[in-house]
Amino acid sequence: MLTPQIPTHFVAFIEHMHAEAGRAWLMRLPQILTHCAARWNLTLGQPFPNLTYHFVLSATRPDGQPVVLKICAPTKEYAEEAAAIGHFGGHGMAQLLDTDADEEALLLERLMPGTTLRPLADIADDAATRIAAGVMRQLWRPVISDFPFPTIQQWREGLTHLRDYYGGGTGPFSPTLVDAAESIYADFTASLAPLVLLHGDLHHDNILAAERAPWLAIDPKGLVGEPAYEVGAFLYNPQDIRQRAELPRILARRLDILAEELAIDRARLHGWGLYTALLSSWWDVEDLGHIGEDSLRCAEVLASLPGLP
């Protein structure tokens, strides 16, 4: 069996993110791939392009069924993703076929043709937004699992580090913007709608064209929160959105469509969009050492639009 080539950019990213633990995992990765191929009788293909946090590749079962093999890097995300995909049970989501907890590997349904929502958003953003809303409606249901999924309150802890990091200030982030995000969070968490399990990272590259349903999601984080919180990742994506002409009009139009399609108060979608965009930009500082420019620009534009609560 030929072991798939591990891209150099992926090696560099894992070493940056996980240091010695990442290097040790990379050393074991060929062995993990061999183990998974033998366990599930797979013919391994090549990794998907643009790998970042985990090693994901195509594979084929003996009957010719195409599947996806995902080997999770040394984080806690394996257990959360496996539990989340199991919770969704194929509703709006690629199905979980099997797991290997020891090697933190997931065997997943491969969505075909697998085109992401991004190309459609480039030419017909309204249509892409309605599709995303439809996927959201399929996903959301009350949490019935005993698994300790993270909550939006726990994710908020990331933003509390911002002022600590900048010695009590906000560094390159606008104090007015940070204050607005903190105020929105306090107001909204005091009046939450009934909680559901959210995807947690539902952007254009995580919504794929499929056969058993027109569009399905992949790569859930698994996050407990109110439905309105989900729209944030969609609003501040795809990458390089800050370069789009008429960004204020695009974001305002997305809010209009999402409010209509999801029957959720537009101001609440607007507020969570601003908050999550700023949080995402700060996470890039924590993880990558630089501000997330796209998400920060979206947060600034959302702060400037009328209709915030």
C-alpha atoms as a PDB file:
ATOM      1  CA  MET A   1       0.000   0.000   0.000  1.00  0.00           C
ATOM      2  CA  LEU A   2       1.274   3.421  -0.943  1.00  0.00           C
ATOM      3  CA  THR A   3       1.100   5.875   1.934  1.00  0.00           C
ATOM      4  CA  PRO A   4      -0.411   9.209   0.866  1.00  0.00           C
ATOM      5  CA  GLN A   5       2.030  12.085   0.727  1.00  0.00           C
ATOM      6  CA  ILE A   6       1.805  14.524   3.628  1.00  0.00           C
ATOM      7  CA  PRO A   7       1.972  18.093   2.257  1.00  0.00           C
ATOM      8  CA  THR A   8       4.755  20.289   3.584  1.00  0.00           C
ATOM      9  CA  HIS A   9       2.372  23.170   4.345  1.00  0.00           C
ATOM     10  CA  PHE A  10       0.335  20.820   6.539  1.00  0.00           C
ATOM     11  CA  VAL A  11       3.446  19.682   8.399  1.00  0.00           C
ATOM     12  CA  ALA A  12       4.433  23.290   9.060  1.00  0.00           C
ATOM     13  CA  PHE A  13       0.957  24.201  10.288  1.00  0.00           C
ATOM     14  CA  ILE A  14       0.712  21.243  12.684  1.00  0.00           C
ATOM     15  CA  GLU A  15       4.169  21.953  14.093  1.00  0.00           C
ATOM     16  CA  HIS A  16       3.216  25.600  14.604  1.00  0.00           C
ATOM     17  CA  MET A  17      -0.057  24.721  16.315  1.00  0.00           C
ATOM     18  CA  HIS A  18       1.037  21.791  18.471  1.00  0.00           C
ATOM     19  CA  ALA A  19       4.831  22.037  18.787  1.00  0.00           C
ATOM     20  CA  GLU A  20       6.369  18.796  20.100  1.00  0.00           C
ATOM     21  CA  ALA A  21       3.025  16.996  20.351  1.00  0.00           C
ATOM     22  CA  GLY A  22       2.379  17.883  16.720  1.00  0.00           C
ATOM     23  CA  ARG A  23       5.761  16.586  15.591  1.00  0.00           C
ATOM     24  CA  ALA A  24       5.203  13.326  17.448  1.00  0.00           C
ATOM     25  CA  TRP A  25       1.776  12.931  15.828  1.00  0.00           C
ATOM     26  CA  LEU A  26       3.199  13.623  12.363  1.00  0.00           C
ATOM     27  CA  MET A  27       5.804  10.910  12.922  1.00  0.00           C
ATOM     28  CA  ARG A  28       3.003   8.461  13.723  1.00  0.00           C
ATOM     29  CA  LEU A  29       0.685   9.561  10.923  1.00  0.00           C
ATOM     30  CA  PRO A  30       1.885   7.000   8.311  1.00  0.00           C
ATOM     31  CA  GLN A  31       1.395   4.238  10.883  1.00  0.00           C
ATOM     32  CA  ILE A  32      -2.104   5.516  11.699  1.00  0.00           C
ATOM     33  CA  LEU A  33      -3.007   5.543   8.003  1.00  0.00           C
ATOM     34  CA  THR A  34      -1.772   1.977   7.570  1.00  0.00           C
ATOM     35  CA  HIS A  35      -3.768   0.884  10.611  1.00  0.00           C
ATOM     36  CA  CYS A  36      -6.983   2.517   9.385  1.00  0.00           C
ATOM     37  CA  ALA A  37      -6.582   1.097   5.879  1.00  0.00           C
ATOM     38  CA  ALA A  38      -6.245  -2.401   7.330  1.00  0.00           C
ATOM     39  CA  ARG A  39      -9.051  -2.002   9.868  1.00  0.00           C
ATOM     40  CA  TRP A  40     -11.601  -0.791   7.327  1.00  0.00           C
ATOM     41  CA  ASN A  41     -10.128  -2.525   4.257  1.00  0.00           C
ATOM     42  CA  LEU A  42      -9.622   0.765   2.458  1.00  0.00           C
ATOM     43  CA  THR A  43      -7.738   1.774  -0.630  1.00  0.00           C
ATOM     44  CA  LEU A  44      -6.345   5.153   0.322  1.00  0.00           C
ATOM     45  CA  GLY A  45      -6.446   8.082  -2.060  1.00  0.00           C
ATOM     46  CA  GLN A  46      -4.822  11.467  -1.766  1.00  0.00           C
ATOM     47  CA  PRO A  47      -5.385  14.143   0.868  1.00  0.00           C
ATOM     48  CA  PHE A  48      -7.813  16.913   0.076  1.00  0.00           C
ATOM     49  CA  PRO A  49      -6.293  20.290  -0.801  1.00  0.00           C
ATOM     50  CA  ASN A  50      -5.942  23.087   1.732  1.00  0.00           C
ATOM     51  CA  LEU A  51      -5.460  20.847   4.768  1.00  0.00           C
ATOM     52  CA  THR A  52      -5.163  22.742   8.039  1.00  0.00           C
ATOM     53  CA  TYR A  53      -6.110  21.313  11.417  1.00  0.00           C
ATOM     54  CA  HIS A  54      -6.539  17.602  10.564  1.00  0.00           C
ATOM     55  CA  PHE A  55      -5.428  15.094   7.912  1.00  0.00           C
ATOM     56  CA  VAL A  56      -8.331  14.312   5.598  1.00  0.00           C
ATOM     57  CA  LEU A  57      -8.155  12.121   2.512  1.00  0.00           C
ATOM     58  CA  SER A  58     -10.303  10.212   0.074  1.00  0.00           C
ATOM     59  CA  ALA A  59     -10.541   6.427   0.270  1.00  0.00           C
ATOM     60  CA  THR A  60     -12.493   3.579  -1.289  1.00  0.00           C
ATOM     61  CA  ARG A  61     -14.121   0.503   0.222  1.00  0.00           C
ATOM     62  CA  PRO A  62     -13.808  -2.915  -1.455  1.00  0.00           C
ATOM     63  CA  ASP A  63     -17.282  -2.529  -2.990  1.00  0.00           C
ATOM     64  CA  GLY A  64     -16.188   0.704  -4.638  1.00  0.00           C
ATOM     65  CA  GLN A  65     -17.972   3.003  -2.193  1.00  0.00           C
ATOM     66  CA  PRO A  66     -16.098   6.309  -1.890  1.00  0.00           C
ATOM     67  CA  VAL A  67     -15.519   7.442   1.697  1.00  0.00           C
ATOM     68  CA  VAL A  68     -13.551  10.044   3.601  1.00  0.00           C
ATOM     69  CA  LEU A  69     -10.931   9.188   6.212  1.00  0.00           C
ATOM     70  CA  LYS A  70     -10.226  11.922   8.737  1.00  0.00           C
ATOM     71  CA  ILE A  71      -7.298  11.569  11.149  1.00  0.00           C
ATOM     72  CA  CYS A  72      -7.607  14.145  13.902  1.00  0.00           C
ATOM     73  CA  ALA A  73      -4.557  15.981  15.161  1.00  0.00           C
ATOM     74  CA  PRO A  74      -3.827  15.956  18.920  1.00  0.00           C
ATOM     75  CA  THR A  75      -6.703  18.124  20.131  1.00  0.00           C
ATOM     76  CA  LYS A  76      -9.972  17.453  21.931  1.00  0.00           C
ATOM     77  CA  GLU A  77     -11.870  17.963  18.676  1.00  0.00           C
ATOM     78  CA  TYR A  78     -12.062  14.264  17.757  1.00  0.00           C
ATOM     79  CA  ALA A  79     -14.496  13.354  20.514  1.00  0.00           C
ATOM     80  CA  GLU A  80     -16.587  16.479  19.963  1.00  0.00           C
ATOM     81  CA  GLU A  81     -16.854  15.980  16.210  1.00  0.00           C
ATOM     82  CA  ALA A  82     -17.651  12.273  16.491  1.00  0.00           C
ATOM     83  CA  ALA A  83     -20.378  12.991  19.040  1.00  0.00           C
ATOM     84  CA  ALA A  84     -21.776  15.857  16.955  1.00  0.00           C
ATOM     85  CA  ILE A  85     -21.960  13.856  13.724  1.00  0.00           C
ATOM     86  CA  GLY A  86     -23.603  11.025  15.625  1.00  0.00           C
ATOM     87  CA  HIS A  87     -26.126  13.448  17.103  1.00  0.00           C
ATOM     88  CA  PHE A  88     -27.079  14.864  13.699  1.00  0.00           C
ATOM     89  CA  GLY A  89     -27.582  11.343  12.394  1.00  0.00           C
ATOM     90  CA  GLY A  90     -27.267  12.284   8.740  1.00  0.00           C
ATOM     91  CA  HIS A  91     -29.875  15.060   8.924  1.00  0.00           C
ATOM     92  CA  GLY A  92     -28.271  17.936   7.049  1.00  0.00           C
ATOM     93  CA  MET A  93     -24.855  16.362   7.618  1.00  0.00           C
ATOM     94  CA  ALA A  94     -22.498  13.772   6.148  1.00  0.00           C
ATOM     95  CA  GLN A  95     -22.967  10.463   7.950  1.00  0.00           C
ATOM     96  CA  LEU A  96     -20.520   8.903  10.373  1.00  0.00           C
ATOM     97  CA  LEU A  97     -19.717   5.356   9.223  1.00  0.00           C
ATOM     98  CA  ASP A  98     -17.286   4.283  11.948  1.00  0.00           C
ATOM     99  CA  THR A  99     -14.698   5.564  14.407  1.00  0.00           C
ATOM    100  CA  ASP A 100     -11.388   4.474  15.871  1.00  0.00           C
ATOM    101  CA  ALA A 101     -11.083   6.174  19.233  1.00  0.00           C
ATOM    102  CA  ASP A 102      -7.531   4.948  19.867  1.00  0.00           C
ATOM    103  CA  GLU A 103      -6.220   6.596  16.714  1.00  0.00           C
ATOM    104  CA  GLU A 104      -8.805   9.414  16.749  1.00  0.00           C
ATOM    105  CA  ALA A 105      -9.927   8.555  13.233  1.00  0.00           C
ATOM    106  CA  LEU A 106     -13.317   9.083  11.601  1.00  0.00           C
ATOM    107  CA  LEU A 107     -14.666   7.149   8.621  1.00  0.00           C
ATOM    108  CA  LEU A 108     -17.223   9.358   6.909  1.00  0.00           C
ATOM    109  CA  GLU A 109     -19.689   9.377   4.056  1.00  0.00           C
ATOM    110  CA  ARG A 110     -18.164  11.068   1.034  1.00  0.00           C
ATOM    111  CA  LEU A 111     -20.463  13.672  -0.433  1.00  0.00           C
ATOM    112  CA  MET A 112     -20.573  13.635  -4.214  1.00  0.00           C
ATOM    113  CA  PRO A 113     -19.981  15.694  -6.270  1.00  0.00           C
ATOM    114  CA  GLY A 114     -18.744  17.558  -3.193  1.00  0.00           C
ATOM    115  CA  THR A 115     -18.592  21.046  -4.676  1.00  0.00           C
ATOM    116  CA  THR A 116     -18.588  23.629  -1.908  1.00  0.00           C
ATOM    117  CA  LEU A 117     -21.073  26.468  -1.655  1.00  0.00           C
ATOM    118  CA  ARG A 118     -18.347  29.046  -2.253  1.00  0.00           C
ATOM    119  CA  PRO A 119     -18.476  29.169  -6.097  1.00  0.00           C
ATOM    120  CA  LEU A 120     -22.230  29.776  -6.010  1.00  0.00           C
ATOM    121  CA  ALA A 121     -21.778  32.578  -3.471  1.00  0.00           C
ATOM    122  CA  ASP A 122     -19.360  34.259  -5.869  1.00  0.00           C
ATOM    123  CA  ILE A 123     -22.058  34.603  -8.522  1.00  0.00           C
ATOM    124  CA  ALA A 124     -25.365  34.340  -6.636  1.00  0.00           C
ATOM    125  CA  ASP A 125     -24.952  35.239  -2.973  1.00  0.00           C
ATOM    126  CA  ASP A 126     -28.692  35.365  -2.304  1.00  0.00           C
ATOM    127  CA  ALA A 127     -29.155  31.800  -3.539  1.00  0.00           C
ATOM    128  CA  ALA A 128     -26.170  30.571  -1.513  1.00  0.00           C
ATOM    129  CA  THR A 129     -27.571  32.218   1.609  1.00  0.00           C
ATOM    130  CA  ARG A 130     -30.952  30.520   1.170  1.00  0.00           C
ATOM    131  CA  ILE A 131     -29.228  27.167   0.734  1.00  0.00           C
ATOM    132  CA  ALA A 132     -27.229  27.684   3.927  1.00  0.00           C
ATOM    133  CA  ALA A 133     -30.413  28.551   5.807  1.00  0.00           C
ATOM    134  CA  GLY A 134     -31.990  25.330   4.577  1.00  0.00           C
ATOM    135  CA  VAL A 135     -29.064  23.292   5.879  1.00  0.00           C
ATOM    136  CA  MET A 136     -29.291  25.072   9.237  1.00  0.00           C
ATOM    137  CA  ARG A 137     -32.963  24.163   9.555  1.00  0.00           C
ATOM    138  CA  GLN A 138     -32.149  20.502   8.948  1.00  0.00           C
ATOM    139  CA  LEU A 139     -29.411  20.466  11.568  1.00  0.00           C
ATOM    140  CA  TRP A 140     -30.991  22.147  14.556  1.00  0.00           C
ATOM    141  CA  ARG A 141     -32.608  19.913  17.137  1.00  0.00           C
ATOM    142  CA  PRO A 142     -32.532  19.734  20.942  1.00  0.00           C
ATOM    143  CA  VAL A 143     -29.491  18.131  22.508  1.00  0.00           C
ATOM    144  CA  ILE A 144     -30.356  14.622  23.670  1.00  0.00           C
ATOM    145  CA  SER A 145     -26.812  13.323  24.067  1.00  0.00           C
ATOM    146  CA  ASP A 146     -25.039  13.074  27.417  1.00  0.00           C
ATOM    147  CA  PHE A 147     -21.810  14.165  25.734  1.00  0.00           C
ATOM    148  CA  PRO A 148     -20.442  17.385  27.305  1.00  0.00           C
ATOM    149  CA  PHE A 149     -20.554  19.559  24.203  1.00  0.00           C
ATOM    150  CA  PRO A 150     -19.055  23.036  24.656  1.00  0.00           C
ATOM    151  CA  THR A 151     -21.446  25.948  25.027  1.00  0.00           C
ATOM    152  CA  ILE A 152     -21.415  29.464  23.630  1.00  0.00           C
ATOM    153  CA  GLN A 153     -20.623  30.599  27.168  1.00  0.00           C
ATOM    154  CA  GLN A 154     -17.472  28.473  27.175  1.00  0.00           C
ATOM    155  CA  TRP A 155     -16.450  29.709  23.748  1.00  0.00           C
ATOM    156  CA  ARG A 156     -16.813  33.255  25.037  1.00  0.00           C
ATOM    157  CA  GLU A 157     -13.854  32.605  27.344  1.00  0.00           C
ATOM    158  CA  GLY A 158     -11.633  33.139  24.303  1.00  0.00           C
ATOM    159  CA  LEU A 159     -12.696  36.764  24.045  1.00  0.00           C
ATOM    160  CA  THR A 160     -12.025  37.360  27.741  1.00  0.00           C
ATOM    161  CA  HIS A 161      -8.348  36.710  26.980  1.00  0.00           C
ATOM    162  CA  LEU A 162      -8.221  39.664  24.591  1.00  0.00           C
ATOM    163  CA  ARG A 163      -7.961  42.363  27.233  1.00  0.00           C
ATOM    164  CA  ASP A 164      -5.528  40.253  29.275  1.00  0.00           C
ATOM    165  CA  TYR A 165      -3.343  39.809  26.201  1.00  0.00           C
ATOM    166  CA  TYR A 166      -3.211  43.556  25.588  1.00  0.00           C
ATOM    167  CA  GLY A 167      -2.608  44.516  29.216  1.00  0.00           C
ATOM    168  CA  GLY A 168      -6.170  45.606  29.905  1.00  0.00           C
ATOM    169  CA  GLY A 169      -6.602  47.362  26.561  1.00  0.00           C
ATOM    170  CA  THR A 170      -7.765  46.115  23.190  1.00  0.00           C
ATOM    171  CA  GLY A 171      -4.554  46.439  21.165  1.00  0.00           C
ATOM    172  CA  PRO A 172      -5.267  46.810  17.429  1.00  0.00           C
ATOM    173  CA  PHE A 173      -8.966  46.116  17.966  1.00  0.00           C
ATOM    174  CA  SER A 174     -11.241  49.141  18.278  1.00  0.00           C
ATOM    175  CA  PRO A 175     -12.302  49.638  21.921  1.00  0.00           C
ATOM    176  CA  THR A 176     -15.758  50.636  20.689  1.00  0.00           C
ATOM    177  CA  LEU A 177     -16.060  47.396  18.719  1.00  0.00           C
ATOM    178  CA  VAL A 178     -14.918  45.233  21.626  1.00  0.00           C
ATOM    179  CA  ASP A 179     -17.291  47.050  23.990  1.00  0.00           C
ATOM    180  CA  ALA A 180     -20.157  46.488  21.549  1.00  0.00           C
ATOM    181  CA  ALA A 181     -19.405  42.771  21.271  1.00  0.00           C
ATOM    182  CA  GLU A 182     -19.210  42.357  25.040  1.00  0.00           C
ATOM    183  CA  SER A 183     -22.498  44.225  25.501  1.00  0.00           C
ATOM    184  CA  ILE A 184     -24.244  42.104  22.872  1.00  0.00           C
ATOM    185  CA  TYR A 185     -23.015  38.916  24.524  1.00  0.00           C
ATOM    186  CA  ALA A 186     -24.252  40.008  27.963  1.00  0.00           C
ATOM    187  CA  ASP A 187     -27.667  41.047  26.647  1.00  0.00           C
ATOM    188  CA  PHE A 188     -28.236  37.986  24.486  1.00  0.00           C
ATOM    189  CA  THR A 189     -27.102  35.346  26.969  1.00  0.00           C
ATOM    190  CA  ALA A 190     -29.584  36.798  29.457  1.00  0.00           C
ATOM    191  CA  SER A 191     -32.437  36.020  27.043  1.00  0.00           C
ATOM    192  CA  LEU A 192     -31.494  32.879  25.134  1.00  0.00           C
ATOM    193  CA  ALA A 193     -33.950  31.016  22.930  1.00  0.00           C
ATOM    194  CA  PRO A 194     -34.326  27.239  23.487  1.00  0.00           C
ATOM    195  CA  LEU A 195     -30.936  25.615  23.024  1.00  0.00           C
ATOM    196  CA  VAL A 196     -29.989  23.257  20.202  1.00  0.00           C
ATOM    197  CA  LEU A 197     -26.819  21.599  19.003  1.00  0.00           C
ATOM    198  CA  LEU A 198     -25.219  23.932  16.485  1.00  0.00           C
ATOM    199  CA  HIS A 199     -22.745  23.027  13.784  1.00  0.00           C
ATOM    200  CA  GLY A 200     -20.462  25.721  15.169  1.00  0.00           C
ATOM    201  CA  ASP A 201     -18.531  26.515  11.974  1.00  0.00           C
ATOM    202  CA  LEU A 202     -21.092  26.511   9.176  1.00  0.00           C
ATOM    203  CA  HIS A 203     -19.423  28.493   6.422  1.00  0.00           C
ATOM    204  CA  HIS A 204     -19.393  28.082   2.645  1.00  0.00           C
ATOM    205  CA  ASP A 205     -16.566  25.521   2.514  1.00  0.00           C
ATOM    206  CA  ASN A 206     -18.385  23.295   5.017  1.00  0.00           C
ATOM    207  CA  ILE A 207     -21.547  23.021   2.894  1.00  0.00           C
ATOM    208  CA  LEU A 208     -21.172  20.591  -0.013  1.00  0.00           C
ATOM    209  CA  ALA A 209     -23.311  19.503  -2.948  1.00  0.00           C
ATOM    210  CA  ALA A 210     -24.487  15.921  -2.428  1.00  0.00           C
ATOM    211  CA  GLU A 211     -26.714  13.209  -3.911  1.00  0.00           C
ATOM    212  CA  ARG A 212     -29.020  12.051  -1.105  1.00  0.00           C
ATOM    213  CA  ALA A 213     -29.805  15.713  -0.417  1.00  0.00           C
ATOM    214  CA  PRO A 214     -28.923  18.714  -2.565  1.00  0.00           C
ATOM    215  CA  TRP A 215     -26.601  20.188   0.065  1.00  0.00           C
ATOM    216  CA  LEU A 216     -25.133  18.751   3.278  1.00  0.00           C
ATOM    217  CA  ALA A 217     -22.703  19.979   5.927  1.00  0.00           C
ATOM    218  CA  ILE A 218     -19.347  18.595   7.005  1.00  0.00           C
ATOM    219  CA  ASP A 219     -16.851  19.232   9.827  1.00  0.00           C
ATOM    220  CA  PRO A 220     -19.136  20.178  12.734  1.00  0.00           C
ATOM    221  CA  LYS A 221     -17.651  21.551  15.924  1.00  0.00           C
ATOM    222  CA  GLY A 222     -20.691  20.647  18.032  1.00  0.00           C
ATOM    223  CA  LEU A 223     -21.725  23.656  20.109  1.00  0.00           C
ATOM    224  CA  VAL A 224     -24.721  24.143  22.390  1.00  0.00           C
ATOM    225  CA  GLY A 225     -26.403  27.486  21.846  1.00  0.00           C
ATOM    226  CA  GLU A 226     -29.417  29.274  20.468  1.00  0.00           C
ATOM    227  CA  PRO A 227     -30.033  29.008  16.698  1.00  0.00           C
ATOM    228  CA  ALA A 228     -29.279  32.677  15.971  1.00  0.00           C
ATOM    229  CA  TYR A 229     -25.646  32.144  16.978  1.00  0.00           C
ATOM    230  CA  GLU A 230     -25.080  29.795  14.033  1.00  0.00           C
ATOM    231  CA  VAL A 231     -25.198  32.474  11.345  1.00  0.00           C
ATOM    232  CA  GLY A 232     -21.985  34.219  12.399  1.00  0.00           C
ATOM    233  CA  ALA A 233     -19.531  31.956  10.571  1.00  0.00           C
ATOM    234  CA  PHE A 234     -21.615  32.233   7.413  1.00  0.00           C
ATOM    235  CA  LEU A 235     -21.734  36.024   7.556  1.00  0.00           C
ATOM    236  CA  TYR A 236     -17.985  36.576   7.799  1.00  0.00           C
ATOM    237  CA  ASN A 237     -17.088  34.018   5.131  1.00  0.00           C
ATOM    238  CA  PRO A 238     -15.823  33.006   2.623  1.00  0.00           C
ATOM    239  CA  GLN A 239     -12.193  33.961   3.039  1.00  0.00           C
ATOM    240  CA  ASP A 240     -11.259  37.208   1.297  1.00  0.00           C
ATOM    241  CA  ILE A 241     -14.811  38.512   1.730  1.00  0.00           C
ATOM    242  CA  ARG A 242     -13.360  41.858   2.814  1.00  0.00           C
ATOM    243  CA  GLN A 243     -12.253  42.392  -0.792  1.00  0.00           C
ATOM    244  CA  ARG A 244     -15.768  42.158  -2.178  1.00  0.00           C
ATOM    245  CA  ALA A 245     -17.369  45.244  -3.593  1.00  0.00           C
ATOM    246  CA  GLU A 246     -20.414  46.502  -1.714  1.00  0.00           C
ATOM    247  CA  LEU A 247     -19.667  44.449   1.417  1.00  0.00           C
ATOM    248  CA  PRO A 248     -22.181  46.421   3.525  1.00  0.00           C
ATOM    249  CA  ARG A 249     -24.930  45.633   1.022  1.00  0.00           C
ATOM    250  CA  ILE A 250     -23.955  41.949   0.909  1.00  0.00           C
ATOM    251  CA  LEU A 251     -24.029  41.566   4.699  1.00  0.00           C
ATOM    252  CA  ALA A 252     -27.295  43.488   5.033  1.00  0.00           C
ATOM    253  CA  ARG A 253     -28.876  41.337   2.346  1.00  0.00           C
ATOM    254  CA  ARG A 254     -27.670  38.135   4.024  1.00  0.00           C
ATOM    255  CA  LEU A 255     -29.247  39.267   7.282  1.00  0.00           C
ATOM    256  CA  ASP A 256     -32.535  39.985   5.507  1.00  0.00           C
ATOM    257  CA  ILE A 257     -32.607  36.540   3.895  1.00  0.00           C
ATOM    258  CA  LEU A 258     -31.545  34.635   7.009  1.00  0.00           C
ATOM    259  CA  ALA A 259     -34.137  36.411   9.148  1.00  0.00           C
ATOM    260  CA  GLU A 260     -36.821  35.508   6.618  1.00  0.00           C
ATOM    261  CA  GLU A 261     -35.731  31.903   6.030  1.00  0.00           C
ATOM    262  CA  LEU A 262     -35.051  31.057   9.688  1.00  0.00           C
ATOM    263  CA  ALA A 263     -37.878  33.111  11.229  1.00  0.00           C
ATOM    264  CA  ILE A 264     -35.408  34.634  13.696  1.00  0.00           C
ATOM    265  CA  ASP A 265     -35.320  38.276  14.753  1.00  0.00           C
ATOM    266  CA  ARG A 266     -32.993  40.113  12.383  1.00  0.00           C
ATOM    267  CA  ALA A 267     -31.451  42.237  15.138  1.00  0.00           C
ATOM    268  CA  ARG A 268     -30.453  39.097  17.005  1.00  0.00           C
ATOM    269  CA  LEU A 269     -28.772  37.640  13.925  1.00  0.00           C
ATOM    270  CA  HIS A 270     -27.062  40.998  13.404  1.00  0.00           C
ATOM    271  CA  GLY A 271     -25.746  41.144  16.956  1.00  0.00           C
ATOM    272  CA  TRP A 272     -24.465  37.583  17.061  1.00  0.00           C
ATOM    273  CA  GLY A 273     -22.879  38.154  13.661  1.00  0.00           C
ATOM    274  CA  LEU A 274     -20.859  41.084  14.982  1.00  0.00           C
ATOM    275  CA  TYR A 275     -19.880  39.228  18.144  1.00  0.00           C
ATOM    276  CA  THR A 276     -18.780  36.018  16.414  1.00  0.00           C
ATOM    277  CA  ALA A 277     -16.862  37.904  13.721  1.00  0.00           C
ATOM    278  CA  LEU A 278     -14.819  39.710  16.362  1.00  0.00           C
ATOM    279  CA  LEU A 279     -14.306  36.465  18.299  1.00  0.00           C
ATOM    280  CA  SER A 280     -13.052  34.753  15.142  1.00  0.00           C
ATOM    281  CA  SER A 281     -10.602  37.560  14.428  1.00  0.00           C
ATOM    282  CA  TRP A 282      -9.254  37.299  17.982  1.00  0.00           C
ATOM    283  CA  TRP A 283      -8.907  33.508  17.684  1.00  0.00           C
ATOM    284  CA  ASP A 284      -6.572  34.081  14.741  1.00  0.00           C
ATOM    285  CA  VAL A 285      -4.372  36.143  17.046  1.00  0.00           C
ATOM    286  CA  GLU A 286      -4.322  33.284  19.560  1.00  0.00           C
ATOM    287  CA  ASP A 287      -3.776  30.505  17.008  1.00  0.00           C
ATOM    288  CA  LEU A 288      -1.838  32.135  14.186  1.00  0.00           C
ATOM    289  CA  GLY A 289      -0.304  35.243  15.715  1.00  0.00           C
ATOM    290  CA  HIS A 290      -2.146  37.761  13.548  1.00  0.00           C
ATOM    291  CA  ILE A 291      -5.568  39.380  13.311  1.00  0.00           C
ATOM    292  CA  GLY A 292      -8.186  37.682  11.152  1.00  0.00           C
ATOM    293  CA  GLU A 293      -8.607  40.465   8.607  1.00  0.00           C
ATOM    294  CA  ASP A 294     -11.743  39.130   6.896  1.00  0.00           C
ATOM    295  CA  SER A 295     -13.700  38.545  10.079  1.00  0.00           C
ATOM    296  CA  LEU A 296     -12.543  41.842  11.603  1.00  0.00           C
ATOM    297  CA  ARG A 297     -13.643  43.777   8.530  1.00  0.00           C
ATOM    298  CA  CYS A 298     -17.041  42.070   8.689  1.00  0.00           C
ATOM    299  CA  ALA A 299     -17.362  42.937  12.378  1.00  0.00           C
ATOM    300  CA  GLU A 300     -16.605  46.580  11.575  1.00  0.00           C
ATOM    301  CA  VAL A 301     -19.141  46.662   8.749  1.00  0.00           C
ATOM    302  CA  LEU A 302     -21.800  44.959  10.859  1.00  0.00           C
ATOM    303  CA  ALA A 303     -21.191  47.533  13.596  1.00  0.00           C
ATOM    304  CA  SER A 304     -21.803  50.306  11.067  1.00  0.00           C
ATOM    305  CA  LEU A 305     -25.066  48.921   9.687  1.00  0.00           C
ATOM    306  CA  PRO A 306     -28.416  50.044  11.098  1.00  0.00           C
ATOM    307  CA  GLY A 307     -30.501  47.534  13.002  1.00  0.00           C
ATOM    308  CA  LEU A 308     -28.263  46.427  15.862  1.00  0.00           C
ATOM    309  CA  PRO A 309     -30.158  45.796  19.111  1.00  0.00           C
END
